[in-house]
PDB file of all heavy atoms in Angstrom:
ATOM      1  N   GLN A   1     -23.061   3.907  -5.867  1.00  0.00           N
ATOM      2  CA  GLN A   1     -22.321   3.097  -4.905  1.00  0.00           C
ATOM      3  C   GLN A   1     -21.011   3.752  -4.477  1.00  0.00           C
ATOM      4  O   GLN A   1     -20.560   3.568  -3.343  1.00  0.00           O
ATOM      5  CB  GLN A   1     -22.063   1.705  -5.490  1.00  0.00           C
ATOM      6  CG  GLN A   1     -23.332   0.910  -5.728  1.00  0.00           C
ATOM      7  CD  GLN A   1     -23.074  -0.491  -6.236  1.00  0.00           C
ATOM      8  OE1 GLN A   1     -21.999  -1.059  -6.009  1.00  0.00           O
ATOM      9  NE2 GLN A   1     -24.050  -1.050  -6.927  1.00  0.00           N
ATOM     10  N   ASP A   2     -20.406   4.525  -5.375  1.00  0.00           N
ATOM     11  CA  ASP A   2     -19.148   5.172  -5.006  1.00  0.00           C
ATOM     12  C   ASP A   2     -19.375   6.213  -3.907  1.00  0.00           C
ATOM     13  O   ASP A   2     -18.492   6.428  -3.061  1.00  0.00           O
ATOM     14  CB  ASP A   2     -18.468   5.807  -6.215  1.00  0.00           C
ATOM     15  CG  ASP A   2     -19.347   6.807  -6.948  1.00  0.00           C
ATOM     16  OD1 ASP A   2     -20.581   6.746  -6.783  1.00  0.00           O
ATOM     17  OD2 ASP A   2     -18.801   7.649  -7.685  1.00  0.00           O
ATOM     18  N   GLU A   3     -20.563   6.829  -3.906  1.00  0.00           N
ATOM     19  CA  GLU A   3     -20.875   7.787  -2.842  1.00  0.00           C
ATOM     20  C   GLU A   3     -21.052   7.076  -1.515  1.00  0.00           C
ATOM     21  O   GLU A   3     -20.616   7.557  -0.466  1.00  0.00           O
ATOM     22  CB  GLU A   3     -22.133   8.583  -3.197  1.00  0.00           C
ATOM     23  CG  GLU A   3     -21.965   9.550  -4.350  1.00  0.00           C
ATOM     24  CD  GLU A   3     -20.924  10.619  -4.055  1.00  0.00           C
ATOM     25  OE1 GLU A   3     -20.885  11.134  -2.920  1.00  0.00           O
ATOM     26  OE2 GLU A   3     -20.134  10.943  -4.967  1.00  0.00           O
ATOM     27  N   GLY A   4     -21.707   5.914  -1.547  1.00  0.00           N
ATOM     28  CA  GLY A   4     -21.857   5.130  -0.325  1.00  0.00           C
ATOM     29  C   GLY A   4     -20.516   4.697   0.236  1.00  0.00           C
ATOM     30  O   GLY A   4     -20.255   4.807   1.440  1.00  0.00           O
ATOM     31  N   LYS A   5     -19.647   4.231  -0.645  1.00  0.00           N
ATOM     32  CA  LYS A   5     -18.313   3.817  -0.210  1.00  0.00           C
ATOM     33  C   LYS A   5     -17.533   4.983   0.370  1.00  0.00           C
ATOM     34  O   LYS A   5     -16.840   4.847   1.384  1.00  0.00           O
ATOM     35  CB  LYS A   5     -17.546   3.197  -1.377  1.00  0.00           C
ATOM     36  CG  LYS A   5     -16.153   2.693  -0.992  1.00  0.00           C
ATOM     37  CD  LYS A   5     -15.434   2.086  -2.183  1.00  0.00           C
ATOM     38  CE  LYS A   5     -14.067   1.538  -1.769  1.00  0.00           C
ATOM     39  NZ  LYS A   5     -13.165   2.581  -1.232  1.00  0.00           N
ATOM     40  N   LYS A   6     -17.656   6.133  -0.252  1.00  0.00           N
ATOM     41  CA  LYS A   6     -16.927   7.314   0.208  1.00  0.00           C
ATOM     42  C   LYS A   6     -17.327   7.678   1.651  1.00  0.00           C
ATOM     43  O   LYS A   6     -16.477   7.952   2.499  1.00  0.00           O
ATOM     44  CB  LYS A   6     -17.215   8.500  -0.723  1.00  0.00           C
ATOM     45  CG  LYS A   6     -16.402   9.749  -0.430  1.00  0.00           C
ATOM     46  CD  LYS A   6     -16.848  10.918  -1.316  1.00  0.00           C
ATOM     47  CE  LYS A   6     -16.743  10.592  -2.785  1.00  0.00           C
ATOM     48  NZ  LYS A   6     -17.162  11.751  -3.634  1.00  0.00           N
ATOM     49  N   VAL A   7     -18.639   7.662   1.909  1.00  0.00           N
ATOM     50  CA  VAL A   7     -19.119   8.017   3.251  1.00  0.00           C
ATOM     51  C   VAL A   7     -18.693   6.971   4.273  1.00  0.00           C
ATOM     52  O   VAL A   7     -18.221   7.304   5.367  1.00  0.00           O
ATOM     53  CB  VAL A   7     -20.647   8.185   3.261  1.00  0.00           C
ATOM     54  CG1 VAL A   7     -21.151   8.416   4.678  1.00  0.00           C
ATOM     55  CG2 VAL A   7     -21.065   9.350   2.373  1.00  0.00           C
ATOM     56  N   SER A   8     -18.833   5.701   3.933  1.00  0.00           N
ATOM     57  CA  SER A   8     -18.463   4.665   4.904  1.00  0.00           C
ATOM     58  C   SER A   8     -16.951   4.596   5.106  1.00  0.00           C
ATOM     59  O   SER A   8     -16.482   4.303   6.215  1.00  0.00           O
ATOM     60  CB  SER A   8     -19.018   3.302   4.498  1.00  0.00           C
ATOM     61  OG  SER A   8     -18.608   2.921   3.211  1.00  0.00           O
ATOM     62  N   ASP A   9     -16.175   4.894   4.068  1.00  0.00           N
ATOM     63  CA  ASP A   9     -14.714   4.951   4.237  1.00  0.00           C
ATOM     64  C   ASP A   9     -14.343   5.984   5.303  1.00  0.00           C
ATOM     65  O   ASP A   9     -13.433   5.759   6.120  1.00  0.00           O
ATOM     66  CB  ASP A   9     -14.035   5.335   2.916  1.00  0.00           C
ATOM     67  CG  ASP A   9     -13.923   4.166   1.942  1.00  0.00           C
ATOM     68  OD1 ASP A   9     -14.231   3.027   2.338  1.00  0.00           O
ATOM     69  OD2 ASP A   9     -13.544   4.411   0.772  1.00  0.00           O
ATOM     70  N   ALA A  10     -15.062   7.108   5.292  1.00  0.00           N
ATOM     71  CA  ALA A  10     -14.796   8.158   6.285  1.00  0.00           C
ATOM     72  C   ALA A  10     -15.145   7.683   7.689  1.00  0.00           C
ATOM     73  O   ALA A  10     -14.416   7.966   8.654  1.00  0.00           O
ATOM     74  CB  ALA A  10     -15.581   9.417   5.943  1.00  0.00           C
ATOM     75  N   LEU A  11     -16.239   6.946   7.811  1.00  0.00           N
ATOM     76  CA  LEU A  11     -16.645   6.423   9.125  1.00  0.00           C
ATOM     77  C   LEU A  11     -15.644   5.386   9.639  1.00  0.00           C
ATOM     78  O   LEU A  11     -15.290   5.374  10.820  1.00  0.00           O
ATOM     79  CB  LEU A  11     -18.045   5.812   9.044  1.00  0.00           C
ATOM     80  CG  LEU A  11     -19.180   6.775   8.673  1.00  0.00           C
ATOM     81  CD1 LEU A  11     -20.489   6.008   8.502  1.00  0.00           C
ATOM     82  CD2 LEU A  11     -19.344   7.862   9.738  1.00  0.00           C
ATOM     83  N   VAL A  12     -15.184   4.544   8.724  1.00  0.00           N
ATOM     84  CA  VAL A  12     -14.196   3.527   9.102  1.00  0.00           C
ATOM     85  C   VAL A  12     -12.880   4.192   9.504  1.00  0.00           C
ATOM     86  O   VAL A  12     -12.215   3.774  10.461  1.00  0.00           O
ATOM     87  CB  VAL A  12     -13.986   2.520   7.943  1.00  0.00           C
ATOM     88  CG1 VAL A  12     -12.817   1.585   8.235  1.00  0.00           C
ATOM     89  CG2 VAL A  12     -15.265   1.715   7.712  1.00  0.00           C
ATOM     90  N   ALA A  13     -12.510   5.245   8.792  1.00  0.00           N
ATOM     91  CA  ALA A  13     -11.281   5.977   9.127  1.00  0.00           C
ATOM     92  C   ALA A  13     -11.359   6.584  10.520  1.00  0.00           C
ATOM     93  O   ALA A  13     -10.329   6.761  11.190  1.00  0.00           O
ATOM     94  CB  ALA A  13     -11.032   7.073   8.085  1.00  0.00           C
ATOM     95  N   GLN A  14     -12.582   6.883  10.974  1.00  0.00           N
ATOM     96  CA  GLN A  14     -12.769   7.423  12.329  1.00  0.00           C
ATOM     97  C   GLN A  14     -12.852   6.329  13.391  1.00  0.00           C
ATOM     98  O   GLN A  14     -12.951   6.627  14.569  1.00  0.00           O
ATOM     99  CB  GLN A  14     -14.051   8.258  12.366  1.00  0.00           C
ATOM    100  CG  GLN A  14     -14.024   9.513  11.511  1.00  0.00           C
ATOM    101  CD  GLN A  14     -15.375  10.199  11.476  1.00  0.00           C
ATOM    102  OE1 GLN A  14     -15.914  10.599  12.512  1.00  0.00           O
ATOM    103  NE2 GLN A  14     -15.955  10.320  10.290  1.00  0.00           N
ATOM    104  N   GLY A  15     -12.844   5.067  12.952  1.00  0.00           N
ATOM    105  CA  GLY A  15     -12.802   3.976  13.920  1.00  0.00           C
ATOM    106  C   GLY A  15     -13.949   2.996  13.885  1.00  0.00           C
ATOM    107  O   GLY A  15     -13.934   1.994  14.608  1.00  0.00           O
ATOM    108  N   ALA A  16     -14.974   3.237  13.078  1.00  0.00           N
ATOM    109  CA  ALA A  16     -16.117   2.320  13.032  1.00  0.00           C
ATOM    110  C   ALA A  16     -15.727   0.991  12.397  1.00  0.00           C
ATOM    111  O   ALA A  16     -15.083   0.972  11.339  1.00  0.00           O
ATOM    112  CB  ALA A  16     -17.268   2.949  12.260  1.00  0.00           C
ATOM    113  N   ASP A  17     -16.111  -0.106  13.032  1.00  0.00           N
ATOM    114  CA  ASP A  17     -15.861  -1.414  12.417  1.00  0.00           C
ATOM    115  C   ASP A  17     -17.167  -2.134  12.062  1.00  0.00           C
ATOM    116  O   ASP A  17     -17.147  -3.259  11.568  1.00  0.00           O
ATOM    117  CB  ASP A  17     -14.964  -2.295  13.290  1.00  0.00           C
ATOM    118  CG  ASP A  17     -15.574  -2.616  14.649  1.00  0.00           C
ATOM    119  OD1 ASP A  17     -16.604  -2.015  15.014  1.00  0.00           O
ATOM    120  OD2 ASP A  17     -15.007  -3.479  15.353  1.00  0.00           O
ATOM    121  N   ILE A  18     -18.292  -1.465  12.295  1.00  0.00           N
ATOM    122  CA  ILE A  18     -19.595  -1.941  11.836  1.00  0.00           C
ATOM    123  C   ILE A  18     -20.350  -0.715  11.313  1.00  0.00           C
ATOM    124  O   ILE A  18     -20.460   0.285  12.020  1.00  0.00           O
ATOM    125  CB  ILE A  18     -20.405  -2.621  12.967  1.00  0.00           C
ATOM    126  CG1 ILE A  18     -19.664  -3.859  13.492  1.00  0.00           C
ATOM    127  CG2 ILE A  18     -21.806  -3.003  12.471  1.00  0.00           C
ATOM    128  CD1 ILE A  18     -20.312  -4.490  14.720  1.00  0.00           C
ATOM    129  N   VAL A  19     -20.852  -0.803  10.088  1.00  0.00           N
ATOM    130  CA  VAL A  19     -21.532   0.338   9.470  1.00  0.00           C
ATOM    131  C   VAL A  19     -22.896  -0.105   8.940  1.00  0.00           C
ATOM    132  O   VAL A  19     -22.997  -1.137   8.277  1.00  0.00           O
ATOM    133  CB  VAL A  19     -20.708   0.935   8.309  1.00  0.00           C
ATOM    134  CG1 VAL A  19     -21.464   2.093   7.648  1.00  0.00           C
ATOM    135  CG2 VAL A  19     -19.342   1.411   8.804  1.00  0.00           C
ATOM    136  N   MET A  20     -23.924   0.695   9.222  1.00  0.00           N
ATOM    137  CA  MET A  20     -25.264   0.430   8.704  1.00  0.00           C
ATOM    138  C   MET A  20     -25.650   1.518   7.704  1.00  0.00           C
ATOM    139  O   MET A  20     -26.019   2.620   8.092  1.00  0.00           O
ATOM    140  CB  MET A  20     -26.302   0.381   9.834  1.00  0.00           C
ATOM    141  CG  MET A  20     -27.714   0.065   9.343  1.00  0.00           C
ATOM    142  SD  MET A  20     -28.985   0.043  10.651  1.00  0.00           S
ATOM    143  CE  MET A  20     -29.218   1.820  10.906  1.00  0.00           C
ATOM    144  N   PRO A  21     -25.574   1.224   6.393  1.00  0.00           N
ATOM    145  CA  PRO A  21     -26.035   2.206   5.405  1.00  0.00           C
ATOM    146  C   PRO A  21     -27.555   2.146   5.271  1.00  0.00           C
ATOM    147  O   PRO A  21     -28.135   1.062   5.233  1.00  0.00           O
ATOM    148  CB  PRO A  21     -25.354   1.743   4.111  1.00  0.00           C
ATOM    149  CG  PRO A  21     -25.119   0.283   4.296  1.00  0.00           C
ATOM    150  CD  PRO A  21     -24.978   0.037   5.763  1.00  0.00           C
ATOM    151  N   VAL A  22     -28.186   3.315   5.204  1.00  0.00           N
ATOM    152  CA  VAL A  22     -29.633   3.388   4.969  1.00  0.00           C
ATOM    153  C   VAL A  22     -29.799   4.228   3.712  1.00  0.00           C
ATOM    154  O   VAL A  22     -30.297   5.346   3.731  1.00  0.00           O
ATOM    155  CB  VAL A  22     -30.372   4.030   6.160  1.00  0.00           C
ATOM    156  CG1 VAL A  22     -31.879   3.834   6.014  1.00  0.00           C
ATOM    157  CG2 VAL A  22     -29.891   3.445   7.488  1.00  0.00           C
ATOM    158  N   ALA A  23     -29.326   3.695   2.601  1.00  0.00           N
ATOM    159  CA  ALA A  23     -29.178   4.495   1.387  1.00  0.00           C
ATOM    160  C   ALA A  23     -29.529   3.729   0.121  1.00  0.00           C
ATOM    161  O   ALA A  23     -29.024   4.040  -0.955  1.00  0.00           O
ATOM    162  CB  ALA A  23     -27.748   5.021   1.298  1.00  0.00           C
ATOM    163  N   GLY A  24     -30.387   2.726   0.250  1.00  0.00           N
ATOM    164  CA  GLY A  24     -30.776   1.966  -0.925  1.00  0.00           C
ATOM    165  C   GLY A  24     -29.573   1.375  -1.632  1.00  0.00           C
ATOM    166  O   GLY A  24     -28.619   0.901  -0.999  1.00  0.00           O
ATOM    167  N   GLY A  25     -29.578   1.434  -2.968  1.00  0.00           N
ATOM    168  CA  GLY A  25     -28.496   0.851  -3.747  1.00  0.00           C
ATOM    169  C   GLY A  25     -27.144   1.477  -3.505  1.00  0.00           C
ATOM    170  O   GLY A  25     -26.105   0.833  -3.710  1.00  0.00           O
ATOM    171  N   ALA A  26     -27.106   2.735  -3.056  1.00  0.00           N
ATOM    172  CA  ALA A  26     -25.818   3.378  -2.761  1.00  0.00           C
ATOM    173  C   ALA A  26     -25.079   2.628  -1.658  1.00  0.00           C
ATOM    174  O   ALA A  26     -23.847   2.613  -1.619  1.00  0.00           O
ATOM    175  CB  ALA A  26     -26.034   4.839  -2.359  1.00  0.00           C
ATOM    176  N   GLY A  27     -25.831   1.993  -0.778  1.00  0.00           N
ATOM    177  CA  GLY A  27     -25.221   1.250   0.322  1.00  0.00           C
ATOM    178  C   GLY A  27     -24.439   0.035  -0.125  1.00  0.00           C
ATOM    179  O   GLY A  27     -23.619  -0.507   0.632  1.00  0.00           O
ATOM    180  N   LEU A  28     -24.670  -0.417  -1.365  1.00  0.00           N
ATOM    181  CA  LEU A  28     -23.912  -1.558  -1.877  1.00  0.00           C
ATOM    182  C   LEU A  28     -22.434  -1.228  -2.020  1.00  0.00           C
ATOM    183  O   LEU A  28     -21.591  -2.126  -2.019  1.00  0.00           O
ATOM    184  CB  LEU A  28     -24.484  -2.005  -3.229  1.00  0.00           C
ATOM    185  CG  LEU A  28     -25.917  -2.562  -3.190  1.00  0.00           C
ATOM    186  CD1 LEU A  28     -26.460  -2.740  -4.600  1.00  0.00           C
ATOM    187  CD2 LEU A  28     -25.952  -3.881  -2.424  1.00  0.00           C
ATOM    188  N   GLY A  29     -22.119   0.060  -2.127  1.00  0.00           N
ATOM    189  CA  GLY A  29     -20.714   0.461  -2.143  1.00  0.00           C
ATOM    190  C   GLY A  29     -20.035   0.144  -0.831  1.00  0.00           C
ATOM    191  O   GLY A  29     -18.835  -0.183  -0.785  1.00  0.00           O
ATOM    192  N   THR A  30     -20.806   0.211   0.246  1.00  0.00           N
ATOM    193  CA  THR A  30     -20.278  -0.103   1.577  1.00  0.00           C
ATOM    194  C   THR A  30     -20.157  -1.602   1.790  1.00  0.00           C
ATOM    195  O   THR A  30     -19.120  -2.089   2.259  1.00  0.00           O
ATOM    196  CB  THR A  30     -21.193   0.504   2.660  1.00  0.00           C
ATOM    197  OG1 THR A  30     -21.152   1.930   2.551  1.00  0.00           O
ATOM    198  CG2 THR A  30     -20.741   0.097   4.051  1.00  0.00           C
ATOM    199  N   THR A  31     -21.200  -2.357   1.449  1.00  0.00           N
ATOM    200  CA  THR A  31     -21.141  -3.808   1.684  1.00  0.00           C
ATOM    201  C   THR A  31     -20.063  -4.462   0.831  1.00  0.00           C
ATOM    202  O   THR A  31     -19.356  -5.368   1.284  1.00  0.00           O
ATOM    203  CB  THR A  31     -22.505  -4.471   1.417  1.00  0.00           C
ATOM    204  OG1 THR A  31     -22.919  -4.216   0.060  1.00  0.00           O
ATOM    205  CG2 THR A  31     -23.566  -3.943   2.380  1.00  0.00           C
ATOM    206  N   GLY A  32     -19.921  -3.973  -0.417  1.00  0.00           N
ATOM    207  CA  GLY A  32     -18.885  -4.526  -1.286  1.00  0.00           C
ATOM    208  C   GLY A  32     -17.490  -4.247  -0.759  1.00  0.00           C
ATOM    209  O   GLY A  32     -16.622  -5.125  -0.757  1.00  0.00           O
ATOM    210  N   ALA A  33     -17.274  -3.014  -0.284  1.00  0.00           N
ATOM    211  CA  ALA A  33     -15.963  -2.655   0.257  1.00  0.00           C
ATOM    212  C   ALA A  33     -15.684  -3.398   1.554  1.00  0.00           C
ATOM    213  O   ALA A  33     -14.536  -3.796   1.824  1.00  0.00           O
ATOM    214  CB  ALA A  33     -15.893  -1.149   0.492  1.00  0.00           C
ATOM    215  N   ALA A  34     -16.726  -3.603   2.349  1.00  0.00           N
ATOM    216  CA  ALA A  34     -16.552  -4.339   3.611  1.00  0.00           C
ATOM    217  C   ALA A  34     -16.146  -5.778   3.327  1.00  0.00           C
ATOM    218  O   ALA A  34     -15.248  -6.325   3.978  1.00  0.00           O
ATOM    219  CB  ALA A  34     -17.842  -4.294   4.429  1.00  0.00           C
ATOM    220  N   LYS A  35     -16.790  -6.390   2.330  1.00  0.00           N
ATOM    221  CA  LYS A  35     -16.420  -7.764   1.984  1.00  0.00           C
ATOM    222  C   LYS A  35     -14.978  -7.815   1.495  1.00  0.00           C
ATOM    223  O   LYS A  35     -14.221  -8.721   1.852  1.00  0.00           O
ATOM    224  CB  LYS A  35     -17.368  -8.317   0.918  1.00  0.00           C
ATOM    225  CG  LYS A  35     -17.122  -9.793   0.617  1.00  0.00           C
ATOM    226  CD  LYS A  35     -18.195 -10.393  -0.269  1.00  0.00           C
ATOM    227  CE  LYS A  35     -18.038  -9.991  -1.711  1.00  0.00           C
ATOM    228  NZ  LYS A  35     -18.903 -10.808  -2.614  1.00  0.00           N
ATOM    229  N   ALA A  36     -14.589  -6.822   0.710  1.00  0.00           N
ATOM    230  CA  ALA A  36     -13.227  -6.778   0.183  1.00  0.00           C
ATOM    231  C   ALA A  36     -12.187  -6.497   1.268  1.00  0.00           C
ATOM    232  O   ALA A  36     -11.009  -6.808   1.103  1.00  0.00           O
ATOM    233  CB  ALA A  36     -13.128  -5.706  -0.906  1.00  0.00           C
ATOM    234  N   SER A  37     -12.634  -5.940   2.397  1.00  0.00           N
ATOM    235  CA  SER A  37     -11.695  -5.604   3.474  1.00  0.00           C
ATOM    236  C   SER A  37     -11.222  -6.825   4.245  1.00  0.00           C
ATOM    237  O   SER A  37     -10.318  -6.724   5.075  1.00  0.00           O
ATOM    238  CB  SER A  37     -12.349  -4.614   4.455  1.00  0.00           C
ATOM    239  OG  SER A  37     -13.240  -5.276   5.352  1.00  0.00           O
ATOM    240  N   GLY A  38     -11.847  -7.967   3.985  1.00  0.00           N
ATOM    241  CA  GLY A  38     -11.419  -9.193   4.649  1.00  0.00           C
ATOM    242  C   GLY A  38     -11.676  -9.207   6.139  1.00  0.00           C
ATOM    243  O   GLY A  38     -10.909  -9.809   6.901  1.00  0.00           O
ATOM    244  N   GLY A  39     -12.717  -8.537   6.568  1.00  0.00           N
ATOM    245  CA  GLY A  39     -13.075  -8.551   7.988  1.00  0.00           C
ATOM    246  C   GLY A  39     -12.628  -7.337   8.767  1.00  0.00           C
ATOM    247  O   GLY A  39     -12.883  -7.233   9.967  1.00  0.00           O
ATOM    248  N   LYS A  40     -11.975  -6.389   8.101  1.00  0.00           N
ATOM    249  CA  LYS A  40     -11.566  -5.165   8.804  1.00  0.00           C
ATOM    250  C   LYS A  40     -12.791  -4.459   9.379  1.00  0.00           C
ATOM    251  O   LYS A  40     -12.759  -3.918  10.478  1.00  0.00           O
ATOM    252  CB  LYS A  40     -10.814  -4.232   7.853  1.00  0.00           C
ATOM    253  CG  LYS A  40     -10.408  -2.911   8.516  1.00  0.00           C
ATOM    254  CD  LYS A  40      -9.715  -1.959   7.539  1.00  0.00           C
ATOM    255  CE  LYS A  40      -9.401  -0.630   8.189  1.00  0.00           C
ATOM    256  NZ  LYS A  40      -8.801   0.343   7.228  1.00  0.00           N
TER     257      LYS A  40
END
C-alpha cells in the first residue's frame, strides 16, 4: 500500500484530484490517503 500511496501522491502533486489505481491491494494506499485528505 505504501507504493500505491507514493505513486498517487506524485499524481496529486501534479494536479490530479481524482485517481484510479489499477493495482489490487496496493491501491488501498491511495484510497486510504484520499479519505484522510478530507476531500482534497
